[in-house]
N, C-alpha and C. Protein backbone atom coordinates (compact mmCIF):
# COMPACT_ATOMS: atom_id res chain seq x y z
N MET A 1 20.33 -3.81 9.10
CA MET A 1 20.84 -3.30 7.97
C MET A 1 19.96 -2.10 7.49
N ALA A 2 20.42 -0.96 7.43
CA ALA A 2 19.65 0.37 6.96
C ALA A 2 19.13 0.04 5.61
N MET A 3 17.94 0.52 5.39
CA MET A 3 17.26 0.49 4.19
C MET A 3 17.57 1.85 3.52
N GLY A 4 17.42 1.84 2.13
CA GLY A 4 17.53 2.98 1.50
C GLY A 4 18.45 3.07 0.32
N ILE A 5 18.80 3.96 -0.45
CA ILE A 5 19.74 3.94 -1.60
C ILE A 5 21.05 3.94 -1.26
N ASN A 6 21.66 2.99 -1.79
CA ASN A 6 23.19 2.89 -1.56
C ASN A 6 23.78 3.34 -2.80
N THR A 7 24.41 4.50 -2.72
CA THR A 7 24.92 5.26 -3.87
C THR A 7 26.52 5.04 -3.83
N GLY A 8 27.22 4.67 -2.73
CA GLY A 8 28.60 4.59 -2.71
C GLY A 8 29.15 5.96 -2.33
N ILE A 9 28.39 6.85 -2.19
CA ILE A 9 28.74 8.22 -1.71
C ILE A 9 28.27 8.61 -0.33
N ASN A 10 29.46 9.09 0.57
CA ASN A 10 28.93 9.47 1.84
C ASN A 10 27.99 10.28 2.00
N ALA A 11 26.98 10.40 2.82
CA ALA A 11 25.63 11.34 2.66
C ALA A 11 26.11 12.72 2.96
N SER A 12 27.33 12.91 3.67
CA SER A 12 27.70 14.24 4.15
C SER A 12 28.83 14.90 3.01
N GLU A 13 29.02 13.94 2.08
CA GLU A 13 29.97 14.35 1.19
C GLU A 13 29.47 15.47 0.13
N ASN A 14 30.30 16.44 -0.35
CA ASN A 14 30.17 17.20 -1.43
C ASN A 14 30.49 16.77 -2.65
N VAL A 15 29.81 16.86 -3.59
CA VAL A 15 30.10 16.30 -5.02
C VAL A 15 30.00 17.37 -6.08
N ASN A 16 30.92 17.54 -6.86
CA ASN A 16 30.92 18.60 -7.90
C ASN A 16 30.64 17.92 -9.22
N VAL A 17 29.37 18.35 -9.75
CA VAL A 17 29.05 17.67 -11.20
C VAL A 17 28.30 18.83 -11.82
N TYR A 18 28.51 18.82 -13.32
CA TYR A 18 28.16 19.84 -14.07
C TYR A 18 28.47 21.11 -13.36
N ASN A 19 29.59 21.53 -12.80
CA ASN A 19 30.00 22.50 -12.29
C ASN A 19 29.13 23.21 -11.28
N ILE A 20 28.31 22.16 -10.53
CA ILE A 20 27.67 22.52 -9.38
C ILE A 20 27.91 21.67 -8.13
N GLN A 21 28.08 22.27 -6.98
CA GLN A 21 28.28 21.56 -5.90
C GLN A 21 27.15 21.13 -5.23
N ILE A 22 27.02 19.70 -5.12
CA ILE A 22 25.89 18.99 -4.58
C ILE A 22 26.28 18.51 -3.15
N THR A 23 25.36 18.98 -2.25
CA THR A 23 25.53 18.58 -0.80
C THR A 23 24.49 17.55 -0.46
N ASN A 24 24.87 16.53 0.37
CA ASN A 24 23.96 15.79 0.93
C ASN A 24 22.76 15.12 -0.04
N HIS A 25 23.25 14.85 -1.19
CA HIS A 25 22.44 14.34 -2.20
C HIS A 25 21.15 15.11 -2.66
N HIS A 26 21.18 16.52 -2.37
CA HIS A 26 20.13 17.32 -2.78
C HIS A 26 20.59 18.51 -3.51
N LEU A 27 19.72 19.00 -4.41
CA LEU A 27 20.02 20.17 -5.15
C LEU A 27 19.08 21.36 -4.52
N THR A 28 19.53 22.74 -4.64
CA THR A 28 18.91 23.72 -4.23
C THR A 28 18.03 24.14 -5.60
N LYS A 29 16.93 25.13 -5.05
CA LYS A 29 16.21 25.47 -6.28
C LYS A 29 16.88 26.03 -7.39
N GLU A 30 17.84 26.97 -6.97
CA GLU A 30 18.83 27.51 -7.89
C GLU A 30 19.66 26.63 -8.74
N GLN A 31 20.04 25.48 -7.94
CA GLN A 31 20.84 24.47 -8.72
C GLN A 31 20.06 23.90 -9.83
N GLU A 32 18.62 23.40 -9.35
CA GLU A 32 17.75 22.82 -10.38
C GLU A 32 17.53 23.73 -11.55
N GLU A 33 17.44 25.05 -11.43
CA GLU A 33 16.99 25.99 -12.29
C GLU A 33 18.34 25.96 -13.45
N GLN A 34 19.53 25.85 -12.94
CA GLN A 34 20.65 25.81 -13.86
C GLN A 34 20.78 24.53 -14.62
N LEU A 35 20.06 23.34 -14.38
CA LEU A 35 20.34 22.10 -14.96
C LEU A 35 19.20 21.91 -15.61
N SER A 36 19.17 20.97 -16.98
CA SER A 36 18.11 20.52 -17.60
C SER A 36 17.60 19.35 -16.90
N SER A 37 16.30 19.14 -17.42
CA SER A 37 15.68 17.89 -16.65
C SER A 37 16.41 16.52 -16.89
N ALA A 38 17.13 16.43 -18.09
CA ALA A 38 17.80 15.32 -18.32
C ALA A 38 19.10 15.24 -17.33
N GLU A 39 19.50 16.41 -17.26
CA GLU A 39 20.75 16.37 -16.30
C GLU A 39 20.44 15.96 -14.96
N ILE A 40 19.12 16.56 -14.52
CA ILE A 40 18.93 16.28 -12.97
C ILE A 40 18.47 14.76 -13.03
N LYS A 41 18.03 14.27 -14.15
CA LYS A 41 17.37 12.80 -14.03
C LYS A 41 18.71 11.80 -14.07
N ASN A 42 19.71 12.27 -14.84
CA ASN A 42 20.97 11.53 -14.65
C ASN A 42 21.72 11.62 -13.42
N LEU A 43 21.58 12.83 -12.70
CA LEU A 43 22.17 12.75 -11.30
C LEU A 43 21.50 11.93 -10.29
N LYS A 44 20.00 11.84 -10.50
CA LYS A 44 19.30 10.98 -9.70
C LYS A 44 19.63 9.49 -9.96
N LYS A 45 19.52 9.25 -11.29
CA LYS A 45 20.04 7.77 -11.88
C LYS A 45 21.15 7.18 -11.15
N SER A 46 22.22 8.16 -11.04
CA SER A 46 23.67 7.76 -10.71
C SER A 46 23.61 7.78 -9.30
N GLY A 47 22.60 8.23 -8.56
CA GLY A 47 22.54 8.31 -6.95
C GLY A 47 23.26 9.48 -6.32
N LYS A 48 23.79 10.27 -7.21
CA LYS A 48 24.43 11.60 -6.75
C LYS A 48 23.31 12.60 -6.25
N VAL A 49 22.07 12.45 -6.67
CA VAL A 49 20.94 13.46 -6.04
C VAL A 49 19.96 12.27 -5.79
N GLU A 50 19.43 12.51 -4.67
CA GLU A 50 18.28 11.50 -4.30
C GLU A 50 17.14 11.50 -4.93
N CYS A 51 16.61 10.60 -5.34
CA CYS A 51 15.31 10.37 -6.08
C CYS A 51 14.04 10.07 -4.98
N GLU A 52 13.29 11.06 -4.92
CA GLU A 52 12.26 11.23 -3.86
C GLU A 52 11.30 9.91 -4.23
N THR A 53 11.03 9.56 -5.35
CA THR A 53 10.29 8.37 -5.75
C THR A 53 10.49 7.03 -5.12
N CYS A 54 11.99 6.93 -5.50
CA CYS A 54 12.80 5.65 -5.06
C CYS A 54 12.71 5.66 -3.48
N LYS A 55 12.99 6.73 -2.85
CA LYS A 55 13.31 6.93 -1.52
C LYS A 55 11.98 6.58 -0.58
N ASN A 56 10.80 7.04 -1.36
CA ASN A 56 9.49 6.78 -0.66
C ASN A 56 8.83 5.47 -1.13
N ARG A 57 9.28 4.69 -1.93
CA ARG A 57 8.63 3.48 -2.61
C ARG A 57 8.83 2.28 -1.36
N LYS A 58 7.51 1.83 -1.19
CA LYS A 58 7.29 0.85 -0.13
C LYS A 58 6.74 -0.41 -0.73
N TYR A 59 7.38 -1.46 -0.16
CA TYR A 59 6.91 -2.91 -0.58
C TYR A 59 6.23 -3.36 0.69
N GLN A 60 5.04 -4.15 0.40
CA GLN A 60 4.23 -4.89 1.40
C GLN A 60 3.68 -6.09 0.67
N ASP A 61 3.69 -7.20 1.41
CA ASP A 61 3.22 -8.50 1.13
C ASP A 61 1.70 -8.22 0.89
N GLY A 62 1.00 -8.92 -0.22
CA GLY A 62 -0.36 -9.00 -0.36
C GLY A 62 -0.93 -10.08 -0.24
N SER A 63 -0.37 -11.11 0.31
CA SER A 63 -1.10 -12.52 0.43
C SER A 63 -1.58 -12.54 1.74
N ASP A 64 -2.27 -13.59 2.00
CA ASP A 64 -2.96 -14.00 3.33
C ASP A 64 -1.91 -14.83 4.23
N ASP A 65 -0.68 -15.01 3.92
CA ASP A 65 0.39 -15.78 4.63
C ASP A 65 1.08 -14.70 5.52
N SER A 66 0.68 -14.79 6.85
CA SER A 66 1.49 -13.92 7.65
C SER A 66 2.47 -14.35 8.08
N GLY A 67 3.24 -15.47 7.64
CA GLY A 67 4.49 -15.91 8.27
C GLY A 67 5.55 -15.53 7.29
N VAL A 68 5.42 -14.73 6.32
CA VAL A 68 6.46 -14.21 5.38
C VAL A 68 6.74 -12.75 5.51
N SER A 69 7.95 -12.35 5.13
CA SER A 69 8.49 -10.90 5.28
C SER A 69 7.62 -9.85 4.72
N TYR A 70 7.67 -8.83 5.08
CA TYR A 70 7.18 -7.43 4.56
C TYR A 70 5.69 -7.35 4.75
N GLN A 71 5.27 -7.81 6.02
CA GLN A 71 3.97 -7.49 6.41
C GLN A 71 3.58 -6.11 6.62
N THR A 72 4.50 -5.39 6.80
CA THR A 72 4.34 -3.83 7.12
C THR A 72 5.15 -3.19 5.90
N PRO A 73 4.58 -2.21 5.46
CA PRO A 73 5.25 -1.37 4.30
C PRO A 73 6.88 -1.00 4.56
N THR A 74 7.62 -1.71 3.73
CA THR A 74 9.07 -1.54 3.83
C THR A 74 9.63 -0.71 2.51
N ASN A 75 10.60 -0.04 2.82
CA ASN A 75 11.38 0.66 1.81
C ASN A 75 12.55 -0.39 1.34
N ILE A 76 12.73 -0.55 -0.08
CA ILE A 76 13.76 -1.27 -0.62
C ILE A 76 14.32 -0.39 -1.62
N SER A 77 15.67 -0.28 -1.86
CA SER A 77 16.23 0.41 -2.99
C SER A 77 16.13 -0.26 -4.30
N PRO A 78 16.10 0.37 -5.39
CA PRO A 78 16.10 -0.22 -6.69
C PRO A 78 17.32 -1.26 -6.91
N GLU A 79 18.26 -1.00 -6.43
CA GLU A 79 19.51 -1.74 -6.46
C GLU A 79 19.30 -3.27 -5.81
N GLU A 80 18.58 -3.15 -4.59
CA GLU A 80 18.32 -4.41 -3.84
C GLU A 80 17.00 -5.05 -4.24
N SER A 81 16.14 -4.43 -4.94
CA SER A 81 14.86 -5.07 -5.20
C SER A 81 14.72 -6.23 -5.75
N GLU A 82 15.33 -6.56 -6.76
CA GLU A 82 15.44 -7.92 -7.26
C GLU A 82 15.60 -9.11 -6.26
N ALA A 83 16.71 -8.89 -5.53
CA ALA A 83 17.21 -9.87 -4.55
C ALA A 83 16.25 -10.06 -3.39
N LYS A 84 15.66 -8.93 -2.95
CA LYS A 84 14.76 -9.05 -1.76
C LYS A 84 13.54 -9.53 -2.21
N VAL A 85 12.94 -9.10 -3.32
CA VAL A 85 11.64 -9.65 -3.94
C VAL A 85 11.70 -11.15 -4.07
N MET A 86 12.78 -11.61 -4.67
CA MET A 86 12.86 -13.01 -5.07
C MET A 86 13.12 -13.86 -3.62
N ALA A 87 13.78 -13.31 -2.44
CA ALA A 87 13.89 -13.84 -1.53
C ALA A 87 12.52 -14.00 -0.81
N HIS A 88 11.82 -12.95 -0.81
CA HIS A 88 10.42 -12.93 -0.28
C HIS A 88 9.57 -13.95 -0.98
N GLU A 89 9.65 -14.06 -2.27
CA GLU A 89 8.77 -15.14 -2.95
C GLU A 89 9.34 -16.54 -2.61
N ARG A 90 10.61 -16.65 -2.42
CA ARG A 90 11.10 -17.98 -2.04
C ARG A 90 10.59 -18.47 -0.73
N GLU A 91 10.31 -17.57 0.09
CA GLU A 91 9.55 -17.72 1.46
C GLU A 91 8.20 -18.45 1.10
N HIS A 92 7.53 -17.73 0.42
CA HIS A 92 6.14 -18.51 -0.13
C HIS A 92 6.41 -19.76 -0.69
N VAL A 93 7.36 -20.09 -1.52
CA VAL A 93 7.58 -21.64 -2.12
C VAL A 93 7.90 -22.26 -0.88
N VAL A 94 8.77 -21.95 -0.01
CA VAL A 94 9.19 -22.96 1.06
C VAL A 94 8.00 -23.37 1.82
N ARG A 95 7.03 -22.30 2.24
CA ARG A 95 6.09 -22.45 3.16
C ARG A 95 5.07 -23.39 2.40
N ASN A 96 4.94 -23.03 1.12
CA ASN A 96 3.77 -23.77 0.49
C ASN A 96 4.27 -25.33 0.30
N ALA A 97 5.47 -25.49 0.07
CA ALA A 97 6.13 -26.92 0.04
C ALA A 97 5.78 -27.66 1.36
N ALA A 98 6.03 -26.99 2.48
CA ALA A 98 6.17 -27.58 3.77
C ALA A 98 4.59 -28.08 3.91
N ALA A 99 3.61 -26.87 3.73
CA ALA A 99 2.14 -27.30 3.88
C ALA A 99 1.61 -28.43 3.16
N ALA A 100 2.11 -28.53 1.80
CA ALA A 100 1.73 -29.77 1.10
C ALA A 100 2.17 -31.08 1.71
N ARG A 101 3.67 -31.17 2.07
CA ARG A 101 4.13 -32.19 2.59
C ARG A 101 3.47 -32.58 3.87
N LYS A 102 3.08 -31.59 4.58
CA LYS A 102 2.39 -31.93 5.91
C LYS A 102 0.98 -32.75 5.64
N GLU A 103 0.50 -32.44 4.43
CA GLU A 103 -0.93 -33.05 4.01
C GLU A 103 -0.70 -34.27 3.03
N GLY A 104 0.57 -34.83 3.08
CA GLY A 104 0.83 -35.77 2.29
C GLY A 104 0.89 -35.66 0.70
N GLY A 105 1.44 -34.58 0.41
CA GLY A 105 1.65 -34.25 -1.08
C GLY A 105 2.69 -33.60 -1.59
N THR A 106 2.68 -32.92 -2.71
CA THR A 106 3.84 -32.05 -3.23
C THR A 106 3.19 -30.72 -3.71
N ALA A 107 4.08 -29.78 -3.79
CA ALA A 107 3.70 -28.60 -4.34
C ALA A 107 4.75 -28.29 -5.59
N ILE A 108 4.28 -27.73 -6.56
CA ILE A 108 4.93 -27.28 -7.52
C ILE A 108 4.74 -25.62 -7.79
N SER A 109 5.77 -24.90 -7.51
CA SER A 109 5.51 -23.36 -7.59
C SER A 109 6.41 -22.81 -8.75
N THR A 110 5.72 -21.78 -9.20
CA THR A 110 6.30 -20.66 -10.20
C THR A 110 6.35 -19.45 -9.66
N VAL A 111 7.62 -18.71 -9.77
CA VAL A 111 7.72 -17.38 -9.21
C VAL A 111 8.09 -16.50 -10.61
N THR A 112 7.36 -15.33 -10.53
CA THR A 112 7.75 -14.38 -11.52
C THR A 112 7.88 -13.00 -10.74
N THR A 113 8.69 -12.20 -11.37
CA THR A 113 8.92 -10.78 -10.85
C THR A 113 8.42 -9.79 -12.08
N GLN A 114 7.95 -8.71 -11.42
CA GLN A 114 7.46 -7.52 -12.55
C GLN A 114 8.63 -6.53 -12.24
N LYS A 115 8.94 -5.97 -13.40
CA LYS A 115 9.95 -4.82 -13.61
C LYS A 115 9.20 -3.73 -13.97
N ALA A 116 9.85 -2.48 -13.40
CA ALA A 116 9.17 -1.12 -13.79
C ALA A 116 10.44 -0.10 -13.94
N VAL A 117 10.14 1.01 -14.52
CA VAL A 117 11.10 1.99 -14.57
C VAL A 117 10.56 3.18 -13.69
N CYS A 118 11.52 3.69 -12.86
CA CYS A 118 11.11 4.77 -12.10
C CYS A 118 10.95 6.15 -12.82
N PRO A 119 9.84 6.73 -12.84
CA PRO A 119 9.43 7.83 -13.60
C PRO A 119 10.34 9.11 -13.29
N GLU A 120 10.87 9.12 -12.19
CA GLU A 120 11.64 10.36 -11.63
C GLU A 120 13.21 10.22 -12.10
N CYS A 121 13.69 8.89 -11.98
CA CYS A 121 15.05 8.81 -12.17
C CYS A 121 15.40 7.94 -13.25
N GLY A 122 14.44 7.26 -13.68
CA GLY A 122 14.86 6.22 -14.89
C GLY A 122 15.36 4.94 -14.49
N ARG A 123 15.48 4.64 -13.16
CA ARG A 123 16.21 3.46 -12.76
C ARG A 123 15.18 2.26 -12.79
N ILE A 124 15.52 1.18 -13.43
CA ILE A 124 14.81 0.06 -13.44
C ILE A 124 14.92 -0.61 -12.08
N TYR A 125 13.65 -1.09 -11.68
CA TYR A 125 13.61 -1.84 -10.29
C TYR A 125 12.64 -2.97 -10.39
N THR A 126 12.60 -3.84 -9.36
CA THR A 126 11.62 -4.92 -9.24
C THR A 126 10.41 -4.32 -8.60
N ALA A 127 9.55 -4.31 -9.39
CA ALA A 127 8.19 -3.63 -8.67
C ALA A 127 7.34 -4.68 -7.64
N GLY A 128 7.53 -6.00 -8.15
CA GLY A 128 6.80 -6.89 -7.23
C GLY A 128 7.10 -8.28 -7.73
N GLY A 129 6.30 -9.22 -7.01
CA GLY A 129 6.54 -10.70 -7.42
C GLY A 129 5.19 -11.41 -7.33
N LEU A 130 5.14 -12.63 -7.74
CA LEU A 130 4.02 -13.35 -7.70
C LEU A 130 4.42 -14.81 -7.62
N THR A 131 3.95 -15.55 -6.64
CA THR A 131 4.32 -17.03 -6.53
C THR A 131 2.93 -17.89 -6.81
N LYS A 132 2.95 -18.81 -7.77
CA LYS A 132 1.68 -19.46 -8.20
C LYS A 132 2.07 -20.89 -7.65
N THR A 133 1.26 -21.60 -6.95
CA THR A 133 1.72 -22.95 -6.48
C THR A 133 0.42 -23.85 -6.77
N THR A 134 0.75 -25.13 -7.28
CA THR A 134 -0.25 -25.96 -7.36
C THR A 134 0.15 -27.12 -6.35
N THR A 135 -0.66 -27.70 -5.69
CA THR A 135 -0.36 -28.90 -4.82
C THR A 135 -1.10 -30.15 -5.28
N ARG A 136 -0.67 -31.33 -4.96
CA ARG A 136 -1.28 -32.53 -5.23
C ARG A 136 -1.04 -33.59 -4.11
N THR A 137 -2.20 -34.19 -3.79
CA THR A 137 -1.74 -35.20 -2.67
C THR A 137 -1.10 -36.44 -3.48
N ASP A 138 -0.83 -37.29 -2.54
CA ASP A 138 -0.10 -38.58 -3.09
C ASP A 138 -1.39 -39.41 -3.92
N LYS A 139 -2.54 -39.37 -3.43
CA LYS A 139 -3.79 -39.93 -3.95
C LYS A 139 -4.04 -39.41 -5.38
N GLU A 140 -4.04 -38.07 -5.35
CA GLU A 140 -4.09 -37.53 -6.66
C GLU A 140 -3.05 -37.84 -7.87
N LYS A 141 -1.68 -37.96 -7.24
CA LYS A 141 -0.79 -38.27 -8.02
C LYS A 141 -1.01 -39.76 -8.69
N GLU A 142 -1.33 -40.69 -7.83
CA GLU A 142 -1.57 -42.02 -8.34
C GLU A 142 -2.83 -41.98 -9.39
N ASP A 143 -3.80 -41.17 -9.08
CA ASP A 143 -4.98 -41.15 -10.15
C ASP A 143 -4.32 -40.59 -11.26
N ASP A 144 -3.54 -39.49 -11.35
CA ASP A 144 -3.10 -38.94 -12.59
C ASP A 144 -2.20 -40.15 -13.30
N LYS A 145 -1.37 -40.81 -12.63
CA LYS A 145 -0.63 -41.83 -13.16
C LYS A 145 -1.44 -42.79 -13.97
N THR A 146 -2.48 -43.35 -13.38
CA THR A 146 -3.48 -44.18 -13.88
C THR A 146 -4.19 -43.57 -15.13
N HIS A 147 -4.61 -42.39 -15.07
CA HIS A 147 -5.28 -41.70 -16.08
C HIS A 147 -4.30 -41.63 -17.31
N PHE A 148 -3.21 -41.23 -16.79
CA PHE A 148 -2.16 -40.76 -18.04
C PHE A 148 -1.92 -42.24 -18.81
N ALA A 149 -1.67 -43.31 -17.98
CA ALA A 149 -1.26 -44.56 -18.46
C ALA A 149 -2.44 -45.01 -19.45
N LYS A 150 -3.69 -45.02 -19.05
CA LYS A 150 -4.90 -45.45 -19.67
C LYS A 150 -5.02 -44.54 -21.14
N ASN A 151 -4.96 -43.26 -20.97
CA ASN A 151 -5.07 -42.34 -22.21
C ASN A 151 -3.88 -42.68 -23.31
N PHE A 152 -2.73 -42.85 -22.56
CA PHE A 152 -1.54 -43.04 -23.56
C PHE A 152 -1.93 -44.39 -24.29
N PHE A 153 -2.17 -45.34 -23.62
CA PHE A 153 -2.59 -46.59 -24.19
C PHE A 153 -3.86 -46.42 -25.19
N ASP A 154 -4.90 -45.83 -24.84
CA ASP A 154 -6.10 -45.69 -25.73
C ASP A 154 -5.75 -44.82 -27.05
N ASN A 155 -5.01 -43.68 -26.77
CA ASN A 155 -4.75 -42.83 -27.66
C ASN A 155 -3.31 -42.99 -28.69
N THR A 156 -2.45 -43.87 -27.95
CA THR A 156 -1.33 -44.04 -28.82
C THR A 156 -1.34 -45.41 -29.46
N VAL A 157 -1.19 -46.49 -28.36
CA VAL A 157 -1.19 -47.90 -28.75
C VAL A 157 -2.40 -48.45 -29.64
N GLY A 158 -3.42 -48.03 -29.05
CA GLY A 158 -4.82 -48.44 -29.71
C GLY A 158 -4.89 -47.87 -30.96
N LYS A 159 -4.46 -46.56 -31.37
CA LYS A 159 -4.54 -46.10 -32.50
C LYS A 159 -3.52 -46.55 -33.51
N ASN A 160 -2.35 -47.02 -33.15
CA ASN A 160 -1.38 -47.57 -33.97
C ASN A 160 -1.91 -49.01 -34.29
N GLN A 161 -2.42 -49.78 -33.45
CA GLN A 161 -3.05 -51.06 -33.89
C GLN A 161 -3.97 -51.07 -34.79
N ALA A 162 -5.06 -49.90 -34.62
CA ALA A 162 -5.93 -49.81 -35.63
C ALA A 162 -5.36 -49.42 -37.03
N LYS A 163 -4.35 -48.34 -37.12
CA LYS A 163 -3.78 -48.24 -38.32
C LYS A 163 -3.10 -49.43 -38.89
N MET A 164 -2.44 -50.18 -38.13
CA MET A 164 -1.91 -51.35 -38.63
C MET A 164 -2.64 -52.34 -39.29
N ARG A 165 -3.82 -52.48 -38.63
CA ARG A 165 -5.07 -53.30 -39.26
C ARG A 165 -5.39 -52.83 -40.52
N ASP A 166 -5.55 -51.53 -40.54
CA ASP A 166 -6.09 -50.94 -41.91
C ASP A 166 -5.17 -51.01 -43.02
N TYR A 167 -3.87 -51.14 -42.72
CA TYR A 167 -2.76 -51.16 -43.87
C TYR A 167 -2.22 -52.33 -44.12
N GLN A 168 -2.59 -53.41 -43.41
CA GLN A 168 -2.16 -54.98 -43.62
C GLN A 168 -2.36 -55.27 -45.08
N ILE A 169 -1.46 -55.99 -45.75
CA ILE A 169 -1.63 -56.48 -47.04
C ILE A 169 -1.78 -57.92 -46.84
């Protein structure tokens, strides 16, 4: 699948907007001079004129996990960025869970994505993602259960019994 901005307009199609003929998603210098910066930004936001910033934006994995996607810089359009970044982060979740199972444990992951606004066209896009994973072995889980039960009894049941003794008539 080709990467890039999907505007729904054929790249060779001529478009007439603001009484200006736009060819191949580009404005000439003369056309740019006839339009206000807000009009140009609207044309870029709608995809009728190509946004150079979005066209040149690259995504690359910053983790030490070489088994996930985006090991080399890759262009992703603003429209596709959320789905593709979330899919990439999901790869981390799956791989972390498999590694934890292999060691006899479990993994709990949280995924967050960061949004940004393109300064050139104003489109909102997903700028990146972060997966945080905590792993625990079965031994640690048993230790946690024992610790929880002991603390629960000491802090809840024990205190209630002490209160009952204090208030008995």
